[in-house]
PDB file of N, CA and C in Angstrom:
ATOM      1  N   TYR A   1       4.883 144.349  51.397  1.00  0.00           N
ATOM      2  CA  TYR A   1       4.814 145.351  52.825  1.00  0.00           C
ATOM      3  C   TYR A   1       6.420 145.958  52.603  1.00  0.00           C
ATOM      4  N   GLY A   2       7.167 145.450  52.945  1.00  0.00           N
ATOM      5  CA  GLY A   2       8.558 145.270  53.610  1.00  0.00           C
ATOM      6  C   GLY A   2       9.355 146.490  52.385  1.00  0.00           C
ATOM      7  N   GLY A   3       9.220 145.888  51.254  1.00  0.00           N
ATOM      8  CA  GLY A   3      10.185 146.539  49.867  1.00  0.00           C
ATOM      9  C   GLY A   3       9.848 147.595  49.764  1.00  0.00           C
ATOM     10  N   SER A   4       8.681 147.815  49.894  1.00  0.00           N
ATOM     11  CA  SER A   4       8.152 149.545  49.567  1.00  0.00           C
ATOM     12  C   SER A   4       8.337 150.740  50.939  1.00  0.00           C
ATOM     13  N   PHE A   5       8.218 149.761  51.571  1.00  0.00           N
ATOM     14  CA  PHE A   5       8.852 150.551  53.219  1.00  0.00           C
ATOM     15  C   PHE A   5      10.836 151.069  53.208  1.00  0.00           C
ATOM     16  N   CYS A   6      10.838 150.042  52.232  1.00  0.00           N
ATOM     17  CA  CYS A   6      12.211 150.186  52.288  1.00  0.00           C
ATOM     18  C   CYS A   6      12.858 151.227  50.775  1.00  0.00           C
ATOM     19  N   HIS A   7      11.630 150.818  49.907  1.00  0.00           N
ATOM     20  CA  HIS A   7      12.394 152.063  49.315  1.00  0.00           C
ATOM     21  C   HIS A   7      12.184 153.726  49.330  1.00  0.00           C
ATOM     22  N   PHE A   8      10.822 153.784  50.395  1.00  0.00           N
ATOM     23  CA  PHE A   8      10.378 154.813  51.063  1.00  0.00           C
ATOM     24  C   PHE A   8      11.401 155.490  51.764  1.00  0.00           C
ATOM     25  N   SER A   9      12.338 154.262  52.557  1.00  0.00           N
ATOM     26  CA  SER A   9      13.392 154.657  53.229  1.00  0.00           C
ATOM     27  C   SER A   9      14.313 155.286  52.675  1.00  0.00           C
ATOM     28  N   LEU A  10      14.523 154.920  51.759  1.00  0.00           N
ATOM     29  CA  LEU A  10      15.682 154.866  51.038  1.00  0.00           C
ATOM     30  C   LEU A  10      15.793 156.368  50.310  1.00  0.00           C
ATOM     31  N   ALA A  11      14.982 156.413  49.495  1.00  0.00           N
ATOM     32  CA  ALA A  11      13.933 157.685  48.745  1.00  0.00           C
ATOM     33  C   ALA A  11      14.510 158.851  49.630  1.00  0.00           C
ATOM     34  N   MET A  12      13.922 158.502  51.141  1.00  0.00           N
ATOM     35  CA  MET A  12      13.746 159.393  52.113  1.00  0.00           C
ATOM     36  C   MET A  12      15.801 159.648  52.546  1.00  0.00           C
ATOM     37  N   ALA A  13      16.660 158.622  52.464  1.00  0.00           N
ATOM     38  CA  ALA A  13      17.791 158.935  52.809  1.00  0.00           C
ATOM     39  C   ALA A  13      18.683 159.534  52.293  1.00  0.00           C
ATOM     40  N   GLU A  14      18.015 159.460  50.566  1.00  0.00           N
ATOM     41  CA  GLU A  14      18.888 160.061  49.372  1.00  0.00           C
ATOM     42  C   GLU A  14      18.230 161.708  49.716  1.00  0.00           C
ATOM     43  N   GLN A  15      17.296 161.713  49.852  1.00  0.00           N
ATOM     44  CA  GLN A  15      16.870 163.328  49.902  1.00  0.00           C
ATOM     45  C   GLN A  15      17.252 164.185  50.997  1.00  0.00           C
ATOM     46  N   CYS A  16      17.601 163.377  52.401  1.00  0.00           N
ATOM     47  CA  CYS A  16      18.704 163.957  53.243  1.00  0.00           C
ATOM     48  C   CYS A  16      19.859 164.200  52.685  1.00  0.00           C
ATOM     49  N   LEU A  17      20.122 163.419  51.916  1.00  0.00           N
ATOM     50  CA  LEU A  17      21.755 163.998  51.932  1.00  0.00           C
ATOM     51  C   LEU A  17      22.074 165.152  50.414  1.00  0.00           C
ATOM     52  N   ARG A  18      20.699 164.971  49.660  1.00  0.00           N
ATOM     53  CA  ARG A  18      21.167 166.306  48.707  1.00  0.00           C
ATOM     54  C   ARG A  18      20.604 167.949  49.317  1.00  0.00           C
ATOM     55  N   GLY A  19      19.727 167.453  50.839  1.00  0.00           N
ATOM     56  CA  GLY A  19      19.113 168.231  51.640  1.00  0.00           C
ATOM     57  C   GLY A  19      20.564 168.602  52.075  1.00  0.00           C
ATOM     58  N   GLU A  20      21.749 167.795  52.877  1.00  0.00           N
ATOM     59  CA  GLU A  20      22.559 168.037  53.777  1.00  0.00           C
ATOM     60  C   GLU A  20      23.682 168.916  53.001  1.00  0.00           C
ATOM     61  N   GLU A  21      23.557 168.451  51.234  1.00  0.00           N
ATOM     62  CA  GLU A  21      24.416 169.150  50.469  1.00  0.00           C
ATOM     63  C   GLU A  21      23.946 170.376  50.230  1.00  0.00           C
ATOM     64  N   LEU A  22      22.973 170.567  50.197  1.00  0.00           N
ATOM     65  CA  LEU A  22      22.468 172.012  49.880  1.00  0.00           C
ATOM     66  C   LEU A  22      22.700 172.926  50.942  1.00  0.00           C
ATOM     67  N   ARG A  23      22.518 172.672  52.122  1.00  0.00           N
ATOM     68  CA  ARG A  23      22.601 173.254  53.027  1.00  0.00           C
ATOM     69  C   ARG A  23      23.909 173.557  53.470  1.00  0.00           C
ATOM     70  N   ALA A  24      25.175 173.419  52.957  1.00  0.00           N
ATOM     71  CA  ALA A  24      26.382 172.624  53.439  1.00  0.00           C
ATOM     72  C   ALA A  24      27.126 174.050  52.312  1.00  0.00           C
ATOM     73  N   ARG A  25      25.963 173.629  50.991  1.00  0.00           N
ATOM     74  CA  ARG A  25      26.767 175.185  49.959  1.00  0.00           C
ATOM     75  C   ARG A  25      26.563 176.370  50.049  1.00  0.00           C
ATOM     76  N   HIS A  26      25.176 176.156  50.868  1.00  0.00           N
ATOM     77  CA  HIS A  26      24.379 177.495  51.174  1.00  0.00           C
ATOM     78  C   HIS A  26      25.590 178.276  52.617  1.00  0.00           C
ATOM     79  N   GLN A  27      25.487 177.546  53.176  1.00  0.00           N
ATOM     80  CA  GLN A  27      26.377 177.991  54.451  1.00  0.00           C
ATOM     81  C   GLN A  27      27.664 178.634  53.573  1.00  0.00           C
ATOM     82  N   ALA A  28      28.398 178.139  53.206  1.00  0.00           N
ATOM     83  CA  ALA A  28      29.529 178.421  52.782  1.00  0.00           C
ATOM     84  C   ALA A  28      29.978 179.692  51.902  1.00  0.00           C
ATOM     85  N   ALA A  29      28.392 179.594  50.732  1.00  0.00           N
ATOM     86  CA  ALA A  29      28.200 180.883  50.353  1.00  0.00           C
ATOM     87  C   ALA A  29      27.823 182.293  51.434  1.00  0.00           C
ATOM     88  N   LEU A  30      27.368 181.797  52.091  1.00  0.00           N
ATOM     89  CA  LEU A  30      26.978 182.852  53.084  1.00  0.00           C
ATOM     90  C   LEU A  30      27.990 183.399  53.237  1.00  0.00           C
ATOM     91  N   LEU A  31      28.830 182.123  54.118  1.00  0.00           N
ATOM     92  CA  LEU A  31      30.079 182.869  54.568  1.00  0.00           C
ATOM     93  C   LEU A  31      31.655 183.877  53.939  1.00  0.00           C
ATOM     94  N   LYS A  32      31.024 183.564  52.723  1.00  0.00           N
ATOM     95  CA  LYS A  32      31.921 183.949  51.834  1.00  0.00           C
ATOM     96  C   LYS A  32      31.409 185.453  51.505  1.00  0.00           C
ATOM     97  N   LEU A  33      30.379 185.294  51.579  1.00  0.00           N
ATOM     98  CA  LEU A  33      29.628 186.647  51.041  1.00  0.00           C
ATOM     99  C   LEU A  33      30.053 187.597  52.193  1.00  0.00           C
ATOM    100  N   ARG A  34      29.984 187.200  53.547  1.00  0.00           N
ATOM    101  CA  ARG A  34      30.114 188.197  54.587  1.00  0.00           C
ATOM    102  C   ARG A  34      32.095 187.702  54.689  1.00  0.00           C
ATOM    103  N   LYS A  35      32.877 187.273  54.360  1.00  0.00           N
ATOM    104  CA  LYS A  35      34.159 187.339  54.268  1.00  0.00           C
ATOM    105  C   LYS A  35      34.301 189.054  53.087  1.00  0.00           C
ATOM    106  N   LYS A  36      33.981 188.410  52.023  1.00  0.00           N
ATOM    107  CA  LYS A  36      33.415 189.894  51.192  1.00  0.00           C
ATOM    108  C   LYS A  36      33.380 191.238  51.170  1.00  0.00           C
ATOM    109  N   ALA A  37      32.126 190.892  52.264  1.00  0.00           N
ATOM    110  CA  ALA A  37      31.646 192.366  52.488  1.00  0.00           C
ATOM    111  C   ALA A  37      32.722 193.228  53.843  1.00  0.00           C
ATOM    112  N   LEU A  38      32.851 192.162  54.965  1.00  0.00           N
ATOM    113  CA  LEU A  38      33.821 192.920  55.202  1.00  0.00           C
ATOM    114  C   LEU A  38      35.096 193.486  54.674  1.00  0.00           C
ATOM    115  N   ARG A  39      36.015 192.736  54.315  1.00  0.00           N
ATOM    116  CA  ARG A  39      37.197 193.162  53.323  1.00  0.00           C
ATOM    117  C   ARG A  39      36.591 194.272  52.123  1.00  0.00           C
ATOM    118  N   GLU A  40      35.516 194.747  51.643  1.00  0.00           N
ATOM    119  CA  GLU A  40      34.696 195.652  50.716  1.00  0.00           C
ATOM    120  C   GLU A  40      34.624 196.849  51.829  1.00  0.00           C
ATOM    121  N   LYS A  41      33.786 196.482  53.135  1.00  0.00           N
ATOM    122  CA  LYS A  41      33.575 198.156  54.260  1.00  0.00           C
ATOM    123  C   LYS A  41      35.396 198.052  54.614  1.00  0.00           C
ATOM    124  N   ALA A  42      36.195 197.699  55.145  1.00  0.00           N
ATOM    125  CA  ALA A  42      37.794 197.808  55.517  1.00  0.00           C
ATOM    126  C   ALA A  42      38.194 198.797  54.959  1.00  0.00           C
ATOM    127  N   ARG A  43      38.328 197.895  53.200  1.00  0.00           N
ATOM    128  CA  ARG A  43      38.934 198.785  52.521  1.00  0.00           C
ATOM    129  C   ARG A  43      38.323 200.972  51.994  1.00  0.00           C
ATOM    130  N   ALA A  44      36.865 200.639  51.778  1.00  0.00           N
ATOM    131  CA  ALA A  44      36.520 202.127  51.842  1.00  0.00           C
ATOM    132  C   ALA A  44      36.480 202.642  53.282  1.00  0.00           C
ATOM    133  N   GLU A  45      36.669 202.125  54.098  1.00  0.00           N
ATOM    134  CA  GLU A  45      37.143 202.785  55.744  1.00  0.00           C
ATOM    135  C   GLU A  45      38.484 203.515  55.888  1.00  0.00           C
ATOM    136  N   LEU A  46      38.910 202.553  55.592  1.00  0.00           N
ATOM    137  CA  LEU A  46      40.990 202.865  55.426  1.00  0.00           C
ATOM    138  C   LEU A  46      41.052 203.442  54.043  1.00  0.00           C
ATOM    139  N   ALA A  47      40.696 203.657  52.726  1.00  0.00           N
ATOM    140  CA  ALA A  47      40.793 205.109  52.183  1.00  0.00           C
ATOM    141  C   ALA A  47      40.102 206.448  52.419  1.00  0.00           C
ATOM    142  N   TRP A  48      38.944 206.208  53.222  1.00  0.00           N
ATOM    143  CA  TRP A  48      38.267 207.150  53.913  1.00  0.00           C
ATOM    144  C   TRP A  48      39.281 208.064  55.019  1.00  0.00           C
ATOM    145  N   LEU A  49      39.301 206.758  55.790  1.00  0.00           N
ATOM    146  CA  LEU A  49      41.034 207.623  56.983  1.00  0.00           C
ATOM    147  C   LEU A  49      41.770 207.982  56.306  1.00  0.00           C
ATOM    148  N   GLY A  50      42.395 207.293  55.343  1.00  0.00           N
ATOM    149  CA  GLY A  50      43.698 208.028  54.198  1.00  0.00           C
ATOM    150  C   GLY A  50      43.435 208.823  53.829  1.00  0.00           C
ATOM    151  N   HIS A  51      42.220 209.138  53.208  1.00  0.00           N
ATOM    152  CA  HIS A  51      41.935 210.663  52.072  1.00  0.00           C
ATOM    153  C   HIS A  51      41.996 211.768  53.900  1.00  0.00           C
ATOM    154  N   GLN A  52      41.365 211.785  54.933  1.00  0.00           N
ATOM    155  CA  GLN A  52      41.587 212.740  55.979  1.00  0.00           C
ATOM    156  C   GLN A  52      42.993 212.562  56.619  1.00  0.00           C
ATOM    157  N   LYS A  53      43.593 211.476  56.276  1.00  0.00           N
ATOM    158  CA  LYS A  53      45.201 211.526  57.186  1.00  0.00           C
ATOM    159  C   LYS A  53      46.234 212.624  56.226  1.00  0.00           C
ATOM    160  N   ARG A  54      45.736 212.119  54.352  1.00  0.00           N
ATOM    161  CA  ARG A  54      46.608 213.187  53.739  1.00  0.00           C
ATOM    162  C   ARG A  54      46.136 214.424  53.917  1.00  0.00           C
ATOM    163  N   CYS A  55      44.942 215.131  54.116  1.00  0.00           N
ATOM    164  CA  CYS A  55      44.323 216.458  54.283  1.00  0.00           C
ATOM    165  C   CYS A  55      45.236 216.751  55.977  1.00  0.00           C
ATOM    166  N   LEU A  56      44.939 216.300  56.611  1.00  0.00           N
ATOM    167  CA  LEU A  56      45.714 216.731  58.134  1.00  0.00           C
ATOM    168  C   LEU A  56      47.266 217.140  58.122  1.00  0.00           C
ATOM    169  N   GLU A  57      47.795 216.255  57.136  1.00  0.00           N
ATOM    170  CA  GLU A  57      49.382 215.807  56.995  1.00  0.00           C
ATOM    171  C   GLU A  57      49.827 217.725  56.058  1.00  0.00           C
ATOM    172  N   ASN A  58      48.644 217.887  55.239  1.00  0.00           N
ATOM    173  CA  ASN A  58      48.524 218.982  54.636  1.00  0.00           C
ATOM    174  C   ASN A  58      48.361 220.491  54.977  1.00  0.00           C
ATOM    175  N   LEU A  59      47.490 220.105  56.340  1.00  0.00           N
ATOM    176  CA  LEU A  59      47.423 221.291  57.139  1.00  0.00           C
ATOM    177  C   LEU A  59      48.710 221.544  58.300  1.00  0.00           C
ATOM    178  N   GLN A  60      49.496 220.307  58.109  1.00  0.00           N
ATOM    179  CA  GLN A  60      50.607 219.853  59.383  1.00  0.00           C
ATOM    180  C   GLN A  60      50.144 219.769  60.417  1.00  0.00           C
ATOM    181  N   ASP A  61      48.880 218.909  60.371  1.00  0.00           N
ATOM    182  CA  ASP A  61      48.241 218.617  62.051  1.00  0.00           C
ATOM    183  C   ASP A  61      48.921 217.160  62.449  1.00  0.00           C
ATOM    184  N   SER A  62      50.249 216.674  62.642  1.00  0.00           N
ATOM    185  CA  SER A  62      50.646 215.744  62.943  1.00  0.00           C
ATOM    186  C   SER A  62      49.887 214.823  64.197  1.00  0.00           C
ATOM    187  N   LYS A  63      49.396 216.069  64.492  1.00  0.00           N
ATOM    188  CA  LYS A  63      48.703 214.499  65.945  1.00  0.00           C
ATOM    189  C   LYS A  63      47.198 214.176  65.099  1.00  0.00           C
ATOM    190  N   GLY A  64      46.649 214.684  64.080  1.00  0.00           N
ATOM    191  CA  GLY A  64      45.193 214.308  63.874  1.00  0.00           C
ATOM    192  C   GLY A  64      45.734 213.441  62.943  1.00  0.00           C
ATOM    193  N   ALA A  65      46.879 213.710  62.002  1.00  0.00           N
ATOM    194  CA  ALA A  65      47.623 212.482  61.167  1.00  0.00           C
ATOM    195  C   ALA A  65      47.462 210.924  61.527  1.00  0.00           C
ATOM    196  N   SER A  66      48.157 211.114  62.847  1.00  0.00           N
ATOM    197  CA  SER A  66      48.774 210.158  63.390  1.00  0.00           C
ATOM    198  C   SER A  66      47.621 208.964  64.290  1.00  0.00           C
ATOM    199  N   ALA A  67      46.742 210.178  64.753  1.00  0.00           N
ATOM    200  CA  ALA A  67      44.630 209.440  65.349  1.00  0.00           C
ATOM    201  C   ALA A  67      44.464 208.913  64.090  1.00  0.00           C
ATOM    202  N   MET A  68      44.263 209.314  63.015  1.00  0.00           N
ATOM    203  CA  MET A  68      43.833 208.379  61.541  1.00  0.00           C
ATOM    204  C   MET A  68      44.653 207.738  61.384  1.00  0.00           C
ATOM    205  N   ALA A  69      45.721 207.453  61.793  1.00  0.00           N
ATOM    206  CA  ALA A  69      46.694 206.319  61.204  1.00  0.00           C
ATOM    207  C   ALA A  69      46.548 205.336  62.408  1.00  0.00           C
ATOM    208  N   ALA A  70      46.081 205.498  63.964  1.00  0.00           N
ATOM    209  CA  ALA A  70      45.766 204.828  64.911  1.00  0.00           C
ATOM    210  C   ALA A  70      44.231 204.142  64.461  1.00  0.00           C
ATOM    211  N   LYS A  71      43.346 204.875  63.902  1.00  0.00           N
ATOM    212  CA  LYS A  71      42.397 204.664  63.296  1.00  0.00           C
ATOM    213  C   LYS A  71      42.254 203.014  62.322  1.00  0.00           C
ATOM    214  N   GLN A  72      43.563 203.614  61.115  1.00  0.00           N
ATOM    215  CA  GLN A  72      43.655 202.687  59.904  1.00  0.00           C
ATOM    216  C   GLN A  72      43.881 201.546  60.829  1.00  0.00           C
ATOM    217  N   HIS A  73      44.833 201.523  61.922  1.00  0.00           N
ATOM    218  CA  HIS A  73      45.656 200.416  62.395  1.00  0.00           C
ATOM    219  C   HIS A  73      44.678 199.354  62.971  1.00  0.00           C
ATOM    220  N   LYS A  74      43.307 200.403  63.856  1.00  0.00           N
ATOM    221  CA  LYS A  74      42.480 199.238  64.797  1.00  0.00           C
ATOM    222  C   LYS A  74      41.342 198.147  63.889  1.00  0.00           C
ATOM    223  N   ILE A  75      41.242 199.388  62.310  1.00  0.00           N
ATOM    224  CA  ILE A  75      40.454 198.825  61.538  1.00  0.00           C
ATOM    225  C   ILE A  75      41.222 197.506  61.158  1.00  0.00           C
ATOM    226  N   LEU A  76      42.424 197.684  60.335  1.00  0.00           N
ATOM    227  CA  LEU A  76      42.973 196.237  59.953  1.00  0.00           C
ATOM    228  C   LEU A  76      43.055 194.990  61.157  1.00  0.00           C
ATOM    229  N   THR A  77      43.503 195.674  62.687  1.00  0.00           N
ATOM    230  CA  THR A  77      43.232 194.092  63.060  1.00  0.00           C
ATOM    231  C   THR A  77      41.718 194.021  63.118  1.00  0.00           C
ATOM    232  N   GLU A  78      40.894 194.654  63.178  1.00  0.00           N
ATOM    233  CA  GLU A  78      39.570 194.301  63.696  1.00  0.00           C
ATOM    234  C   GLU A  78      39.305 193.212  62.615  1.00  0.00           C
ATOM    235  N   LEU A  79      39.313 193.469  61.044  1.00  0.00           N
ATOM    236  CA  LEU A  79      39.408 193.173  59.785  1.00  0.00           C
ATOM    237  C   LEU A  79      40.433 191.421  59.991  1.00  0.00           C
ATOM    238  N   LYS A  80      41.106 191.735  60.922  1.00  0.00           N
ATOM    239  CA  LYS A  80      41.973 190.266  60.868  1.00  0.00           C
ATOM    240  C   LYS A  80      40.964 189.410  61.756  1.00  0.00           C
ATOM    241  N   GLU A  81      40.760 189.939  62.901  1.00  0.00           N
ATOM    242  CA  GLU A  81      39.842 189.038  63.574  1.00  0.00           C
ATOM    243  C   GLU A  81      38.801 188.784  63.320  1.00  0.00           C
ATOM    244  N   GLU A  82      38.085 189.871  62.628  1.00  0.00           N
ATOM    245  CA  GLU A  82      36.929 189.102  61.980  1.00  0.00           C
ATOM    246  C   GLU A  82      37.045 187.745  60.773  1.00  0.00           C
ATOM    247  N   GLN A  83      37.789 188.094  60.443  1.00  0.00           N
ATOM    248  CA  GLN A  83      38.636 186.658  58.897  1.00  0.00           C
ATOM    249  C   GLN A  83      38.490 185.862  59.831  1.00  0.00           C
ATOM    250  N   ALA A  84      40.194 185.230  60.439  1.00  0.00           N
ATOM    251  CA  ALA A  84      39.990 184.583  61.811  1.00  0.00           C
ATOM    252  C   ALA A  84      38.848 183.937  62.055  1.00  0.00           C
ATOM    253  N   GLU A  85      37.923 184.925  62.239  1.00  0.00           N
ATOM    254  CA  GLU A  85      36.452 184.315  63.249  1.00  0.00           C
ATOM    255  C   GLU A  85      35.416 183.530  62.447  1.00  0.00           C
ATOM    256  N   ILE A  86      35.704 184.196  60.609  1.00  0.00           N
ATOM    257  CA  ILE A  86      35.001 183.833  59.708  1.00  0.00           C
ATOM    258  C   ILE A  86      35.317 182.014  59.680  1.00  0.00           C
ATOM    259  N   GLN A  87      36.862 182.486  59.138  1.00  0.00           N
ATOM    260  CA  GLN A  87      37.937 180.784  59.506  1.00  0.00           C
ATOM    261  C   GLN A  87      37.177 179.494  59.948  1.00  0.00           C
ATOM    262  N   HIS A  88      37.540 179.908  61.127  1.00  0.00           N
ATOM    263  CA  HIS A  88      36.843 178.916  62.560  1.00  0.00           C
ATOM    264  C   HIS A  88      35.770 178.560  62.310  1.00  0.00           C
ATOM    265  N   LEU A  89      34.675 179.532  61.637  1.00  0.00           N
ATOM    266  CA  LEU A  89      33.337 179.490  61.919  1.00  0.00           C
ATOM    267  C   LEU A  89      33.303 177.991  60.214  1.00  0.00           C
ATOM    268  N   GLN A  90      34.367 178.451  59.425  1.00  0.00           N
ATOM    269  CA  GLN A  90      33.703 177.641  58.025  1.00  0.00           C
ATOM    270  C   GLN A  90      34.659 176.120  58.835  1.00  0.00           C
ATOM    271  N   ASN A  91      35.910 176.387  59.800  1.00  0.00           N
ATOM    272  CA  ASN A  91      35.974 174.890  59.669  1.00  0.00           C
ATOM    273  C   ASN A  91      35.035 173.933  60.542  1.00  0.00           C
ATOM    274  N   ILE A  92      33.902 174.567  61.677  1.00  0.00           N
ATOM    275  CA  ILE A  92      33.658 174.009  61.848  1.00  0.00           C
ATOM    276  C   ILE A  92      32.156 173.589  61.292  1.00  0.00           C
ATOM    277  N   TYR A  93      31.850 174.321  60.512  1.00  0.00           N
ATOM    278  CA  TYR A  93      30.586 173.838  59.700  1.00  0.00           C
ATOM    279  C   TYR A  93      31.343 172.739  58.745  1.00  0.00           C
ATOM    280  N   ARG A  94      32.552 172.851  57.957  1.00  0.00           N
ATOM    281  CA  ARG A  94      32.656 171.531  57.448  1.00  0.00           C
ATOM    282  C   ARG A  94      32.661 170.443  57.615  1.00  0.00           C
ATOM    283  N   ALA A  95      33.817 170.990  59.068  1.00  0.00           N
ATOM    284  CA  ALA A  95      33.639 169.206  60.147  1.00  0.00           C
ATOM    285  C   ALA A  95      32.095 168.431  60.467  1.00  0.00           C
ATOM    286  N   ALA A  96      31.353 168.867  60.845  1.00  0.00           N
ATOM    287  CA  ALA A  96      29.915 168.913  61.308  1.00  0.00           C
ATOM    288  C   ALA A  96      29.157 168.520  59.932  1.00  0.00           C
ATOM    289  N   HIS A  97      29.417 169.197  58.584  1.00  0.00           N
ATOM    290  CA  HIS A  97      29.354 168.537  57.378  1.00  0.00           C
ATOM    291  C   HIS A  97      29.332 167.101  56.697  1.00  0.00           C
ATOM    292  N   GLN A  98      30.831 166.639  57.279  1.00  0.00           N
ATOM    293  CA  GLN A  98      31.080 165.877  56.718  1.00  0.00           C
ATOM    294  C   GLN A  98      30.599 164.653  57.781  1.00  0.00           C
ATOM    295  N   GLU A  99      30.791 164.571  59.115  1.00  0.00           N
ATOM    296  CA  GLU A  99      29.900 164.223  60.052  1.00  0.00           C
ATOM    297  C   GLU A  99      28.318 163.791  59.894  1.00  0.00           C
ATOM    298  N   ARG A 100      27.936 164.626  59.537  1.00  0.00           N
ATOM    299  CA  ARG A 100      26.398 164.403  58.947  1.00  0.00           C
ATOM    300  C   ARG A 100      26.124 163.724  57.677  1.00  0.00           C
ATOM    301  N   LYS A 101      27.014 164.138  56.702  1.00  0.00           N
ATOM    302  CA  LYS A 101      26.823 163.326  55.746  1.00  0.00           C
ATOM    303  C   LYS A 101      27.383 161.541  55.747  1.00  0.00           C
ATOM    304  N   LEU A 102      28.455 161.637  56.337  1.00  0.00           N
ATOM    305  CA  LEU A 102      28.905 160.135  56.885  1.00  0.00           C
ATOM    306  C   LEU A 102      28.009 159.506  57.623  1.00  0.00           C
ATOM    307  N   LEU A 103      26.872 160.025  58.573  1.00  0.00           N
ATOM    308  CA  LEU A 103      26.101 159.205  58.805  1.00  0.00           C
ATOM    309  C   LEU A 103      24.738 158.905  57.757  1.00  0.00           C
ATOM    310  N   LEU A 104      24.595 159.761  57.553  1.00  0.00           N
ATOM    311  CA  LEU A 104      23.506 159.235  56.767  1.00  0.00           C
ATOM    312  C   LEU A 104      23.820 158.544  55.476  1.00  0.00           C
ATOM    313  N   LYS A 105      25.011 158.512  55.260  1.00  0.00           N
ATOM    314  CA  LYS A 105      25.415 157.769  54.374  1.00  0.00           C
ATOM    315  C   LYS A 105      25.517 155.838  54.614  1.00  0.00           C
ATOM    316  N   GLN A 106      26.574 156.144  56.047  1.00  0.00           N
ATOM    317  CA  GLN A 106      26.084 154.648  56.802  1.00  0.00           C
ATOM    318  C   GLN A 106      24.413 154.306  57.042  1.00  0.00           C
ATOM    319  N   GLN A 107      23.425 155.380  57.243  1.00  0.00           N
ATOM    320  CA  GLN A 107      21.860 154.601  57.528  1.00  0.00           C
ATOM    321  C   GLN A 107      21.581 154.179  56.417  1.00  0.00           C
ATOM    322  N   ARG A 108      21.585 155.094  54.874  1.00  0.00           N
ATOM    323  CA  ARG A 108      21.481 154.392  53.258  1.00  0.00           C
ATOM    324  C   ARG A 108      21.986 153.276  53.257  1.00  0.00           C
ATOM    325  N   GLU A 109      23.556 152.828  53.834  1.00  0.00           N
ATOM    326  CA  GLU A 109      23.592 151.559  53.758  1.00  0.00           C
ATOM    327  C   GLU A 109      23.031 150.459  53.990  1.00  0.00           C
ATOM    328  N   ILE A 110      22.441 150.977  56.271  1.00  0.00           N
ATOM    329  CA  ILE A 110      21.677 149.720  56.348  1.00  0.00           C
ATOM    330  C   ILE A 110      20.942 149.709  55.848  1.00  0.00           C
ATOM    331  N   LEU A 111      20.005 150.398  55.586  1.00  0.00           N
ATOM    332  CA  LEU A 111      18.709 150.374  54.996  1.00  0.00           C
ATOM    333  C   LEU A 111      19.330 149.601  53.448  1.00  0.00           C
ATOM    334  N   MET A 112      19.780 149.589  52.594  1.00  0.00           N
ATOM    335  CA  MET A 112      20.380 148.617  51.247  1.00  0.00           C
ATOM    336  C   MET A 112      20.215 147.406  51.598  1.00  0.00           C
ATOM    337  N   MET A 113      21.186 147.122  52.977  1.00  0.00           N
ATOM    338  CA  MET A 113      21.326 145.865  53.027  1.00  0.00           C
ATOM    339  C   MET A 113      19.999 144.814  53.845  1.00  0.00           C
ATOM    340  N   GLN A 114      19.631 145.918  54.341  1.00  0.00           N
ATOM    341  CA  GLN A 114      17.845 145.312  55.239  1.00  0.00           C
ATOM    342  C   GLN A 114      16.729 145.364  53.534  1.00  0.00           C
ATOM    343  N   HIS A 115      16.848 145.997  52.835  1.00  0.00           N
ATOM    344  CA  HIS A 115      16.712 146.168  51.675  1.00  0.00           C
ATOM    345  C   HIS A 115      16.715 144.655  50.739  1.00  0.00           C
ATOM    346  N   SER A 116      18.252 143.994  50.812  1.00  0.00           N
ATOM    347  CA  SER A 116      18.240 143.424  49.717  1.00  0.00           C
ATOM    348  C   SER A 116      18.033 141.987  51.335  1.00  0.00           C
ATOM    349  N   THR A 117      18.532 141.893  52.110  1.00  0.00           N
ATOM    350  CA  THR A 117      17.949 140.978  53.490  1.00  0.00           C
ATOM    351  C   THR A 117      16.679 140.081  53.023  1.00  0.00           C
ATOM    352  N   ALA A 118      15.641 141.799  52.570  1.00  0.00           N
ATOM    353  CA  ALA A 118      14.228 141.269  52.600  1.00  0.00           C
ATOM    354  C   ALA A 118      13.718 140.424  51.624  1.00  0.00           C
ATOM    355  N   GLN A 119      14.553 140.974  50.475  1.00  0.00           N
ATOM    356  CA  GLN A 119      14.670 140.691  49.400  1.00  0.00           C
ATOM    357  C   GLN A 119      15.265 138.662  49.008  1.00  0.00           C
ATOM    358  N   LEU A 120      15.917 138.382  49.753  1.00  0.00           N
ATOM    359  CA  LEU A 120      16.533 137.192  49.657  1.00  0.00           C
ATOM    360  C   LEU A 120      15.571 136.437  50.658  1.00  0.00           C
ATOM    361  N   GLN A 121      15.085 136.618  51.815  1.00  0.00           N
ATOM    362  CA  GLN A 121      13.790 136.587  52.714  1.00  0.00           C
ATOM    363  C   GLN A 121      12.632 135.626  51.508  1.00  0.00           C
ATOM    364  N   GLU A 122      12.599 137.086  51.126  1.00  0.00           N
ATOM    365  CA  GLU A 122      11.069 136.784  49.964  1.00  0.00           C
ATOM    366  C   GLU A 122      11.375 135.581  49.193  1.00  0.00           C
ATOM    367  N   LYS A 123      12.185 135.622  48.482  1.00  0.00           N
ATOM    368  CA  LYS A 123      12.827 134.336  47.569  1.00  0.00           C
ATOM    369  C   LYS A 123      13.052 132.916  48.057  1.00  0.00           C
ATOM    370  N   LEU A 124      13.255 133.183  49.498  1.00  0.00           N
ATOM    371  CA  LEU A 124      13.005 131.905  50.341  1.00  0.00           C
ATOM    372  C   LEU A 124      11.783 131.343  50.542  1.00  0.00           C
ATOM    373  N   TYR A 125      11.405 132.344  51.192  1.00  0.00           N
ATOM    374  CA  TYR A 125       9.701 132.113  51.447  1.00  0.00           C
ATOM    375  C   TYR A 125       9.070 131.301  50.018  1.00  0.00           C
ATOM    376  N   ASN A 126       9.274 132.338  49.051  1.00  0.00           N
ATOM    377  CA  ASN A 126       8.796 131.558  47.697  1.00  0.00           C
ATOM    378  C   ASN A 126       9.042 130.392  47.300  1.00  0.00           C
ATOM    379  N   LEU A 127      10.378 130.179  47.525  1.00  0.00           N
ATOM    380  CA  LEU A 127      11.207 128.835  47.306  1.00  0.00           C
ATOM    381  C   LEU A 127      10.244 127.448  48.060  1.00  0.00           C
ATOM    382  N   ALA A 128       9.855 127.639  49.250  1.00  0.00           N
ATOM    383  CA  ALA A 128       9.386 126.906  50.362  1.00  0.00           C
ATOM    384  C   ALA A 128       7.892 126.785  50.054  1.00  0.00           C
ATOM    385  N   GLY A 129       7.837 127.686  49.815  1.00  0.00           N
ATOM    386  CA  GLY A 129       5.888 128.092  49.494  1.00  0.00           C
ATOM    387  C   GLY A 129       5.376 126.880  48.417  1.00  0.00           C
TER     388      GLY A 129
END
């Protein structure tokens, strides 16, 4: 009975580790996609504002053109802030993943020790029997 329970527990520990790896990869992929989407959105907004700015410059509307330049600057600033936030989240997720992985590996090692102990006890019991 003890042996089969150990095998079950070890299988569960392995499954948890695989699940943890999958979750970490999924999280990393989502953050990467978010980063890319933010860059593309900012690029499109900057291009549109650049076009408007050029049109206003052609009309010699320097006030309007400098307002467009200010909007462009704001977009770049917001992009940098968002990217810093994503980087911060990536660091947090990575650290948490490493910690969970370590705990799961330690749990697996304990189960393996318990399994080998149970096997030795069984051998001794059979020898004594």
